[in-house]
């Protein structure tokens, strides 16, 4: 799996990507149904600055290695 960093992507493009996936933002936090998205693995609110979207999913997580590893462990092999 190839990961692409969103850190260098313009804020407007990150917001457009979120909207395409059914999310929103208040300019800082990622929102779903008007409430901040909380990463279920590390119990941290997802922001525009720390978000990661894994290929083939619509799951938005914090860019914390523990969170990503926990997600990948949960879903199993992607191949």
N, C-alpha and C. Protein backbone atom coordinates (compact mmCIF):
# COMPACT_ATOMS: atom_id res chain seq x y z
N UNK A 1 0.84 -1.17 0.00
CA UNK A 1 0.00 0.00 0.00
C UNK A 1 0.89 1.23 0.00
N UNK A 2 0.56 2.17 -0.85
CA UNK A 2 1.30 3.43 -0.91
C UNK A 2 0.52 4.50 -0.17
N UNK A 3 1.21 5.21 0.72
CA UNK A 3 0.58 6.30 1.45
C UNK A 3 1.07 7.62 0.88
N UNK A 4 0.17 8.56 0.78
CA UNK A 4 0.50 9.89 0.28
C UNK A 4 0.26 10.87 1.41
N UNK A 5 1.27 11.64 1.73
CA UNK A 5 1.15 12.61 2.81
C UNK A 5 0.21 13.73 2.41
N UNK A 6 -0.69 14.07 3.32
CA UNK A 6 -1.59 15.20 3.08
C UNK A 6 -0.99 16.49 3.63
N UNK A 7 0.16 16.38 4.28
CA UNK A 7 0.79 17.55 4.89
C UNK A 7 1.16 18.64 3.90
N UNK A 8 1.50 18.23 2.67
CA UNK A 8 1.90 19.20 1.66
C UNK A 8 0.76 19.62 0.74
N UNK A 9 -0.41 19.04 0.96
CA UNK A 9 -1.58 19.36 0.14
C UNK A 9 -2.23 20.64 0.68
N UNK A 10 -2.64 21.50 -0.24
CA UNK A 10 -3.28 22.75 0.17
C UNK A 10 -4.52 22.47 1.01
N UNK A 11 -4.78 23.38 1.95
CA UNK A 11 -5.92 23.24 2.85
C UNK A 11 -7.22 23.11 2.06
N UNK A 12 -7.38 23.89 1.01
CA UNK A 12 -8.60 23.85 0.21
C UNK A 12 -8.80 22.47 -0.41
N UNK A 13 -7.71 21.82 -0.82
CA UNK A 13 -7.79 20.49 -1.41
C UNK A 13 -8.15 19.45 -0.36
N UNK A 14 -7.61 19.59 0.85
CA UNK A 14 -7.97 18.67 1.93
C UNK A 14 -9.45 18.79 2.27
N UNK A 15 -9.95 20.03 2.30
CA UNK A 15 -11.37 20.26 2.59
C UNK A 15 -12.23 19.65 1.49
N UNK A 16 -11.84 19.82 0.23
CA UNK A 16 -12.60 19.25 -0.89
C UNK A 16 -12.61 17.72 -0.81
N UNK A 17 -11.49 17.12 -0.43
CA UNK A 17 -11.41 15.68 -0.27
C UNK A 17 -12.35 15.21 0.85
N UNK A 18 -12.36 15.91 1.96
CA UNK A 18 -13.25 15.57 3.06
C UNK A 18 -14.71 15.64 2.62
N UNK A 19 -15.06 16.69 1.92
CA UNK A 19 -16.44 16.85 1.44
C UNK A 19 -16.82 15.70 0.50
N UNK A 20 -15.89 15.30 -0.37
CA UNK A 20 -16.16 14.20 -1.30
C UNK A 20 -16.39 12.89 -0.56
N UNK A 21 -15.81 12.75 0.63
CA UNK A 21 -15.96 11.53 1.43
C UNK A 21 -17.11 11.62 2.44
N UNK A 22 -17.84 12.73 2.43
CA UNK A 22 -18.99 12.88 3.32
C UNK A 22 -18.67 13.49 4.67
N UNK A 23 -17.51 14.12 4.78
CA UNK A 23 -17.12 14.78 6.02
C UNK A 23 -17.19 16.29 5.83
N UNK A 24 -17.00 17.03 6.91
CA UNK A 24 -17.00 18.49 6.86
C UNK A 24 -15.89 18.96 7.78
N UNK A 25 -15.72 20.25 7.90
CA UNK A 25 -14.73 20.82 8.79
C UNK A 25 -15.21 22.18 9.28
N UNK A 26 -14.74 22.54 10.46
CA UNK A 26 -15.01 23.87 10.97
C UNK A 26 -13.82 24.78 10.74
N UNK A 27 -12.90 24.33 9.92
CA UNK A 27 -11.67 25.07 9.64
C UNK A 27 -10.48 24.54 10.44
N UNK A 28 -10.77 23.74 11.46
CA UNK A 28 -9.71 23.13 12.26
C UNK A 28 -9.96 21.63 12.43
N UNK A 29 -11.13 21.27 12.96
CA UNK A 29 -11.45 19.87 13.19
C UNK A 29 -12.18 19.26 12.00
N UNK A 30 -12.00 17.95 11.81
CA UNK A 30 -12.78 17.19 10.84
C UNK A 30 -14.09 16.84 11.52
N UNK A 31 -15.21 17.06 10.82
CA UNK A 31 -16.54 16.85 11.40
C UNK A 31 -17.32 15.80 10.63
N UNK A 32 -18.14 15.05 11.34
CA UNK A 32 -19.11 14.13 10.74
C UNK A 32 -20.42 14.39 11.46
N UNK A 33 -21.45 14.72 10.71
CA UNK A 33 -22.76 15.05 11.30
C UNK A 33 -22.64 16.19 12.31
N UNK A 34 -21.76 17.15 12.04
CA UNK A 34 -21.62 18.33 12.88
C UNK A 34 -20.76 18.16 14.12
N UNK A 35 -20.26 16.94 14.35
CA UNK A 35 -19.46 16.68 15.55
C UNK A 35 -18.03 16.32 15.15
N UNK A 36 -17.04 16.70 15.97
CA UNK A 36 -15.65 16.34 15.66
C UNK A 36 -15.46 14.83 15.58
N UNK A 37 -14.69 14.41 14.58
CA UNK A 37 -14.34 13.00 14.44
C UNK A 37 -13.24 12.68 15.44
N UNK A 38 -13.44 11.61 16.22
CA UNK A 38 -12.44 11.19 17.20
C UNK A 38 -11.86 9.86 16.73
N UNK A 39 -10.54 9.80 16.60
CA UNK A 39 -9.86 8.57 16.21
C UNK A 39 -10.11 7.52 17.28
N UNK A 40 -10.73 6.42 16.92
CA UNK A 40 -11.12 5.40 17.90
C UNK A 40 -9.95 4.62 18.48
N UNK A 41 -8.79 4.73 17.86
CA UNK A 41 -7.63 3.98 18.34
C UNK A 41 -6.80 4.75 19.35
N UNK A 42 -6.73 6.08 19.18
CA UNK A 42 -5.91 6.88 20.10
C UNK A 42 -6.73 7.93 20.83
N UNK A 43 -8.06 7.92 20.64
CA UNK A 43 -8.97 8.82 21.34
C UNK A 43 -8.55 10.28 21.24
N UNK A 44 -8.24 10.69 20.02
CA UNK A 44 -7.80 12.07 19.75
C UNK A 44 -8.65 12.64 18.61
N UNK A 45 -9.05 13.90 18.73
CA UNK A 45 -9.81 14.54 17.66
C UNK A 45 -8.95 14.70 16.42
N UNK A 46 -9.56 14.44 15.27
CA UNK A 46 -8.88 14.55 13.98
C UNK A 46 -8.98 15.99 13.50
N UNK A 47 -7.85 16.57 13.12
CA UNK A 47 -7.81 17.93 12.61
C UNK A 47 -7.39 17.91 11.13
N UNK A 48 -7.53 19.05 10.49
CA UNK A 48 -7.05 19.16 9.11
C UNK A 48 -5.54 18.94 9.02
N UNK A 49 -4.84 19.23 10.10
CA UNK A 49 -3.38 19.12 10.11
C UNK A 49 -2.88 17.72 10.43
N UNK A 50 -3.68 16.91 11.16
CA UNK A 50 -3.17 15.60 11.55
C UNK A 50 -3.93 14.44 10.92
N UNK A 51 -4.79 14.71 9.94
CA UNK A 51 -5.62 13.66 9.39
C UNK A 51 -4.86 12.80 8.38
N UNK A 52 -5.28 11.55 8.32
CA UNK A 52 -4.79 10.63 7.30
C UNK A 52 -6.00 9.84 6.81
N UNK A 53 -6.05 9.62 5.50
CA UNK A 53 -7.10 8.82 4.89
C UNK A 53 -6.39 7.68 4.19
N UNK A 54 -6.69 6.47 4.60
CA UNK A 54 -6.01 5.31 4.03
C UNK A 54 -6.62 4.94 2.69
N UNK A 55 -5.78 4.55 1.72
CA UNK A 55 -6.29 4.19 0.39
C UNK A 55 -7.36 3.10 0.47
N UNK A 56 -8.39 3.27 -0.33
CA UNK A 56 -9.46 2.28 -0.37
C UNK A 56 -10.45 2.37 0.77
N UNK A 57 -10.37 3.44 1.54
CA UNK A 57 -11.28 3.56 2.67
C UNK A 57 -11.85 4.97 2.74
N UNK A 58 -12.85 5.12 3.57
CA UNK A 58 -13.37 6.46 3.87
C UNK A 58 -13.19 6.73 5.36
N UNK A 59 -12.23 6.04 5.96
CA UNK A 59 -11.92 6.21 7.37
C UNK A 59 -10.89 7.32 7.51
N UNK A 60 -11.18 8.29 8.35
CA UNK A 60 -10.25 9.38 8.61
C UNK A 60 -9.70 9.18 10.01
N UNK A 61 -8.38 9.09 10.10
CA UNK A 61 -7.69 8.84 11.35
C UNK A 61 -6.68 9.94 11.62
N UNK A 62 -6.14 9.93 12.83
CA UNK A 62 -5.02 10.79 13.19
C UNK A 62 -3.77 10.16 12.60
N UNK A 63 -2.82 10.96 12.15
CA UNK A 63 -1.61 10.44 11.52
C UNK A 63 -0.60 9.88 12.53
N UNK A 64 -1.10 9.25 13.57
CA UNK A 64 -0.29 8.65 14.61
C UNK A 64 0.02 7.21 14.18
N UNK A 65 1.29 6.79 14.22
CA UNK A 65 1.64 5.42 13.79
C UNK A 65 0.86 4.34 14.54
N UNK A 66 0.56 4.54 15.82
CA UNK A 66 -0.21 3.57 16.58
C UNK A 66 -1.63 3.44 16.02
N UNK A 67 -2.22 4.55 15.66
CA UNK A 67 -3.56 4.55 15.10
C UNK A 67 -3.58 3.80 13.76
N UNK A 68 -2.64 4.10 12.90
CA UNK A 68 -2.58 3.47 11.58
C UNK A 68 -2.34 1.97 11.72
N UNK A 69 -1.39 1.59 12.57
CA UNK A 69 -1.09 0.17 12.78
C UNK A 69 -2.30 -0.56 13.36
N UNK A 70 -3.00 0.06 14.29
CA UNK A 70 -4.19 -0.56 14.89
C UNK A 70 -5.28 -0.77 13.85
N UNK A 71 -5.47 0.21 12.99
CA UNK A 71 -6.47 0.10 11.92
C UNK A 71 -6.11 -1.04 10.98
N UNK A 72 -4.85 -1.08 10.55
CA UNK A 72 -4.42 -2.12 9.61
C UNK A 72 -4.52 -3.51 10.24
N UNK A 73 -4.22 -3.60 11.51
CA UNK A 73 -4.34 -4.88 12.22
C UNK A 73 -5.80 -5.32 12.27
N UNK A 74 -6.69 -4.36 12.48
CA UNK A 74 -8.13 -4.67 12.58
C UNK A 74 -8.71 -5.16 11.26
N UNK A 75 -8.35 -4.51 10.16
CA UNK A 75 -8.95 -4.86 8.87
C UNK A 75 -8.23 -6.01 8.18
N UNK A 76 -7.02 -6.33 8.59
CA UNK A 76 -6.28 -7.42 7.99
C UNK A 76 -5.57 -7.01 6.72
N UNK A 77 -5.09 -7.98 5.99
CA UNK A 77 -4.31 -7.77 4.78
C UNK A 77 -5.18 -7.16 3.68
N UNK A 78 -4.67 -6.13 3.03
CA UNK A 78 -5.42 -5.46 1.98
C UNK A 78 -5.26 -6.11 0.62
N UNK A 79 -4.32 -7.02 0.49
CA UNK A 79 -4.10 -7.66 -0.83
C UNK A 79 -5.03 -8.80 -1.10
